[in-house]
């Protein structure tokens, strides 16, 4: 019997995130469909070209997010697995996969606008920055620049709360990390 904790993705959380994304898609489409006269009447962002560009960007970005949330909701793999081997991350669109304990130098908390993330500190960030396609590598690099590591795990899509997630990660790290 292996010692592992399987944390599933939360379909309720993913459904909520998908609905919120679709609301932003609707807002972006609304921005795209405004005529120049109605845009000029607004007090801020009254340049029609800029207004339409922002609308297009919002619609495309959040449509991509909605697609990602739907795909993740039907992904049969668990969101996160903690085991003697390491952390297997499948919690996001830029999931890291298996992160063996010897690669992990520490765990820290990072907060952005009241959203907390668990940042997995690595001995060699570059090893994980090279994983995946060009888009994933770019997002991992942005993550690394923002939080100091390409791997940041949010409980936002997982069937676990932040405090419990942090406690379980620390428990497994103390038990299995070299």
Protein backbone atom coordinates (compact mmCIF):
# COMPACT_ATOMS: atom_id res chain seq x y z
CA UNK A 1 0.00 0.00 0.00
CA UNK A 2 1.45 3.35 -1.00
CA UNK A 3 1.12 6.48 1.06
CA UNK A 4 -0.58 8.98 -1.19
CA UNK A 5 -3.19 11.70 -0.98
CA UNK A 6 -5.31 12.19 -4.09
CA UNK A 7 -6.97 15.59 -4.39
CA UNK A 8 -9.62 15.79 -7.07
CA UNK A 9 -10.53 18.86 -9.07
CA UNK A 10 -13.74 20.48 -7.91
CA UNK A 11 -16.38 20.50 -10.62
CA UNK A 12 -18.38 23.05 -8.62
CA UNK A 13 -15.44 25.47 -8.51
CA UNK A 14 -14.70 24.87 -12.19
CA UNK A 15 -18.35 25.46 -13.14
CA UNK A 16 -18.32 28.75 -11.21
CA UNK A 17 -15.07 29.84 -12.89
CA UNK A 18 -16.50 28.89 -16.30
CA UNK A 19 -19.66 30.94 -15.66
CA UNK A 20 -17.59 33.92 -14.56
CA UNK A 21 -15.46 33.59 -17.69
CA UNK A 22 -18.56 33.49 -19.86
CA UNK A 23 -19.83 36.66 -18.18
CA UNK A 24 -16.58 38.39 -19.16
CA UNK A 25 -16.90 37.00 -22.70
CA UNK A 26 -20.36 38.60 -22.83
CA UNK A 27 -18.92 41.89 -21.58
CA UNK A 28 -16.20 41.74 -24.24
CA UNK A 29 -18.76 41.07 -26.96
CA UNK A 30 -20.87 43.95 -25.66
CA UNK A 31 -17.81 46.19 -25.96
CA UNK A 32 -17.19 44.97 -29.50
CA UNK A 33 -20.75 45.70 -30.60
CA UNK A 34 -20.99 49.30 -29.34
CA UNK A 35 -21.14 51.92 -32.05
CA UNK A 36 -18.77 54.89 -32.08
CA UNK A 37 -21.40 57.37 -30.92
CA UNK A 38 -22.26 55.40 -27.79
CA UNK A 39 -18.55 54.95 -27.01
CA UNK A 40 -17.91 58.69 -27.31
CA UNK A 41 -20.69 59.33 -24.76
CA UNK A 42 -18.76 57.38 -22.11
CA UNK A 43 -16.56 59.39 -19.80
CA UNK A 44 -13.63 56.98 -19.78
CA UNK A 45 -12.10 54.83 -22.49
CA UNK A 46 -13.99 56.78 -25.14
CA UNK A 47 -11.65 56.00 -28.05
CA UNK A 48 -13.64 53.52 -30.20
CA UNK A 49 -10.55 51.69 -31.50
CA UNK A 50 -9.18 51.16 -27.99
CA UNK A 51 -12.62 50.28 -26.64
CA UNK A 52 -13.12 47.61 -29.33
CA UNK A 53 -9.56 46.30 -28.88
CA UNK A 54 -10.11 45.88 -25.13
CA UNK A 55 -13.45 44.16 -25.83
CA UNK A 56 -11.81 41.74 -28.27
CA UNK A 57 -8.98 40.97 -25.85
CA UNK A 58 -11.39 40.39 -22.96
CA UNK A 59 -13.65 38.15 -25.05
CA UNK A 60 -10.76 36.05 -26.40
CA UNK A 61 -8.91 35.72 -23.10
CA UNK A 62 -11.95 34.69 -21.10
CA UNK A 63 -13.25 32.40 -23.87
CA UNK A 64 -9.92 30.57 -23.67
CA UNK A 65 -10.34 30.40 -19.89
CA UNK A 66 -13.86 28.97 -20.22
CA UNK A 67 -12.59 26.29 -22.61
CA UNK A 68 -9.77 25.44 -20.20
CA UNK A 69 -12.20 25.16 -17.26
CA UNK A 70 -14.55 22.88 -19.22
CA UNK A 71 -11.63 20.67 -20.32
CA UNK A 72 -10.33 20.49 -16.75
CA UNK A 73 -13.80 19.56 -15.44
CA UNK A 74 -13.83 16.49 -17.68
CA UNK A 75 -10.19 15.54 -17.14
CA UNK A 76 -10.19 12.11 -15.44
CA UNK A 77 -6.84 12.74 -13.75
CA UNK A 78 -6.83 14.04 -10.17
CA UNK A 79 -5.85 17.68 -9.69
CA UNK A 80 -3.01 16.91 -7.29
CA UNK A 81 -1.39 13.80 -5.87
CA UNK A 82 0.99 13.85 -2.92
CA UNK A 83 3.08 10.72 -2.48
CA UNK A 84 6.45 9.37 -1.37
CA UNK A 85 7.67 10.09 -4.92
CA UNK A 86 6.72 13.77 -4.93
CA UNK A 87 3.91 16.10 -6.00
CA UNK A 88 2.00 15.35 -9.18
CA UNK A 89 0.39 18.59 -10.31
CA UNK A 90 -2.51 18.51 -12.78
CA UNK A 91 -4.36 21.43 -11.21
CA UNK A 92 -4.17 24.02 -13.99
CA UNK A 93 -3.57 24.65 -17.67
CA UNK A 94 0.16 24.90 -16.97
CA UNK A 95 0.32 21.94 -14.62
CA UNK A 96 3.85 20.77 -13.84
CA UNK A 97 3.24 17.02 -13.76
CA UNK A 98 5.50 15.08 -11.40
CA UNK A 99 7.80 17.15 -9.20
CA UNK A 100 10.06 14.74 -7.29
CA UNK A 101 10.87 15.67 -3.68
CA UNK A 102 14.63 16.01 -4.41
CA UNK A 103 13.79 18.84 -6.90
CA UNK A 104 11.89 20.81 -4.23
CA UNK A 105 13.84 23.27 -2.06
CA UNK A 106 10.86 24.66 -0.16
CA UNK A 107 7.25 25.77 -0.08
CA UNK A 108 6.03 29.33 0.40
CA UNK A 109 2.75 31.21 0.28
CA UNK A 110 2.17 34.01 -2.21
CA UNK A 111 -0.89 36.25 -2.20
CA UNK A 112 -2.20 38.32 -5.10
CA UNK A 113 -5.29 40.41 -4.35
CA UNK A 114 -6.55 38.13 -1.57
CA UNK A 115 -5.92 34.98 -3.65
CA UNK A 116 -3.40 32.68 -2.02
CA UNK A 117 -1.14 30.30 -3.91
CA UNK A 118 1.28 27.68 -2.71
CA UNK A 119 4.57 28.26 -4.49
CA UNK A 120 6.79 25.22 -4.92
CA UNK A 121 10.39 26.42 -4.71
CA UNK A 122 12.82 24.42 -6.82
CA UNK A 123 16.55 23.80 -6.82
CA UNK A 124 16.56 24.27 -10.63
CA UNK A 125 13.80 26.48 -12.07
CA UNK A 126 15.23 26.16 -15.58
CA UNK A 127 14.45 22.42 -15.69
CA UNK A 128 10.74 23.19 -15.26
CA UNK A 129 10.77 26.34 -17.40
CA UNK A 130 11.71 24.18 -20.40
CA UNK A 131 8.70 21.86 -20.12
CA UNK A 132 5.78 22.02 -22.56
CA UNK A 133 4.98 24.00 -25.68
CA UNK A 134 5.93 27.64 -26.31
CA UNK A 135 2.78 28.98 -24.63
CA UNK A 136 3.28 26.87 -21.51
CA UNK A 137 6.97 27.85 -21.32
CA UNK A 138 6.00 31.52 -21.62
CA UNK A 139 3.37 31.22 -18.87
CA UNK A 140 5.81 29.32 -16.65
CA UNK A 141 8.41 32.07 -17.15
CA UNK A 142 5.83 34.73 -16.23
CA UNK A 143 4.94 32.69 -13.13
CA UNK A 144 8.61 32.46 -12.21
CA UNK A 145 9.11 36.21 -12.61
CA UNK A 146 6.04 36.93 -10.49
CA UNK A 147 6.41 34.43 -7.63
CA UNK A 148 9.97 33.07 -7.89
CA UNK A 149 9.07 29.65 -9.27
CA UNK A 150 7.37 28.24 -12.36
CA UNK A 151 5.10 26.21 -10.08
CA UNK A 152 2.30 27.87 -8.12
CA UNK A 153 -0.65 25.76 -7.00
CA UNK A 154 -4.00 27.37 -6.29
CA UNK A 155 -6.79 25.58 -4.45
CA UNK A 156 -9.15 27.51 -6.75
CA UNK A 157 -9.79 24.43 -8.91
CA UNK A 158 -9.16 21.77 -6.27
CA UNK A 159 -11.53 20.01 -3.91
CA UNK A 160 -9.58 21.28 -0.88
CA UNK A 161 -9.23 24.54 1.02
CA UNK A 162 -6.05 26.60 1.13
CA UNK A 163 -5.10 25.88 4.75
CA UNK A 164 -5.63 22.13 4.38
CA UNK A 165 -3.67 22.10 1.10
CA UNK A 166 -0.73 23.87 2.72
CA UNK A 167 -0.82 21.55 5.76
CA UNK A 168 -0.86 18.42 3.58
CA UNK A 169 1.99 19.67 1.37
CA UNK A 170 4.10 20.45 4.44
CA UNK A 171 3.27 17.08 6.03
CA UNK A 172 4.35 15.13 2.93
CA UNK A 173 7.41 17.31 2.41
CA UNK A 174 8.60 16.73 6.00
CA UNK A 175 7.98 13.02 5.63
CA UNK A 176 9.59 12.42 2.20
CA UNK A 177 11.84 15.30 1.14
CA UNK A 178 15.56 14.54 1.45
